[in-house]
Amino acid sequence: MVAPTYNAAIRQDGPWWIGWVEEIPGVNSQGATRDELLENLREALSEALAMNREDARRAAGDPYEEVAIQP
């Protein structure tokens, strides 16, 4: 299975780089460099997806079926 790709809107703001993952509300970060920002966004995205996954599985209850979907 191919991992999905997400888009980030990023910009430099004074000495900081800031960015937002477009597809997932609330996933944003900052960094002292562009590379640091991108790594921070990857980490924030990974954590948000893991938390959302746990919430969805808990809401579904047992037993549940997990299926892959594409937009």
Protein backbone atom coordinates (compact mmCIF):
# COMPACT_ATOMS: atom_id res chain seq x y z
CA MET A 1 0.00 0.00 0.00
CA VAL A 2 1.35 3.42 -0.96
CA ALA A 3 1.47 5.92 1.91
CA PRO A 4 -0.69 9.00 1.37
CA THR A 5 0.93 12.34 0.65
CA TYR A 6 -0.02 15.47 2.54
CA ASN A 7 0.57 19.11 1.63
CA ALA A 8 1.96 21.76 3.93
CA ALA A 9 1.70 25.51 3.56
CA ILE A 10 4.97 26.91 4.92
CA ARG A 11 6.62 30.31 5.18
CA GLN A 12 9.43 32.09 6.91
CA ASP A 13 8.32 34.55 9.58
CA GLY A 14 11.31 36.52 10.84
CA PRO A 15 13.84 34.02 12.14
CA TRP A 16 11.28 31.17 12.29
CA TRP A 17 9.75 28.88 9.71
CA ILE A 18 6.08 28.07 10.33
CA GLY A 19 3.77 25.63 8.59
CA TRP A 20 0.37 23.97 8.50
CA VAL A 21 -0.65 20.59 7.11
CA GLU A 22 -3.51 21.48 4.80
CA GLU A 23 -5.53 18.27 5.02
CA ILE A 24 -5.54 17.82 8.82
CA PRO A 25 -6.88 20.69 10.93
CA GLY A 26 -4.72 21.56 13.91
CA VAL A 27 -1.51 20.02 12.57
CA ASN A 28 0.99 22.85 12.52
CA SER A 29 4.48 23.56 13.79
CA GLN A 30 7.50 25.80 13.61
CA GLY A 31 11.25 25.44 13.36
CA ALA A 32 14.42 27.47 13.33
CA THR A 33 15.19 26.20 9.82
CA ARG A 34 13.09 24.96 6.92
CA ASP A 35 14.37 21.42 7.42
CA GLU A 36 13.59 21.53 11.14
CA LEU A 37 10.07 22.77 10.37
CA LEU A 38 9.46 19.95 7.90
CA GLU A 39 10.68 17.34 10.40
CA ASN A 40 8.49 18.89 13.11
CA LEU A 41 5.48 18.81 10.76
CA ARG A 42 6.12 15.14 9.94
CA GLU A 43 6.22 14.32 13.64
CA ALA A 44 3.08 16.35 14.42
CA LEU A 45 1.24 14.71 11.50
CA SER A 46 2.29 11.23 12.60
CA GLU A 47 1.11 11.87 16.17
CA ALA A 48 -2.21 13.36 15.00
CA LEU A 49 -2.91 10.41 12.70
CA ALA A 50 -2.12 7.93 15.48
CA MET A 51 -4.45 9.74 17.91
CA ASN A 52 -7.22 9.96 15.28
CA ARG A 53 -6.79 6.25 14.50
CA GLU A 54 -7.12 5.34 18.19
CA ASP A 55 -10.20 7.56 18.57
CA ALA A 56 -11.88 6.01 15.50
CA ARG A 57 -11.20 2.44 16.68
CA ARG A 58 -12.48 3.23 20.15
CA ALA A 59 -15.63 4.84 18.69
CA ALA A 60 -16.26 1.84 16.42
CA GLY A 61 -16.16 -0.60 19.33
CA ASP A 62 -15.55 -4.32 18.98
CA PRO A 63 -15.81 -6.01 16.62
CA TYR A 64 -14.95 -3.62 13.78
CA GLU A 65 -13.67 -3.96 10.25
CA GLU A 66 -10.88 -1.79 8.93
CA VAL A 67 -10.94 -0.99 5.19
CA ALA A 68 -8.68 1.22 3.07
CA ILE A 69 -10.41 4.01 1.14
CA GLN A 70 -9.24 6.65 -1.29
CA PRO A 71 -10.83 10.01 -2.10
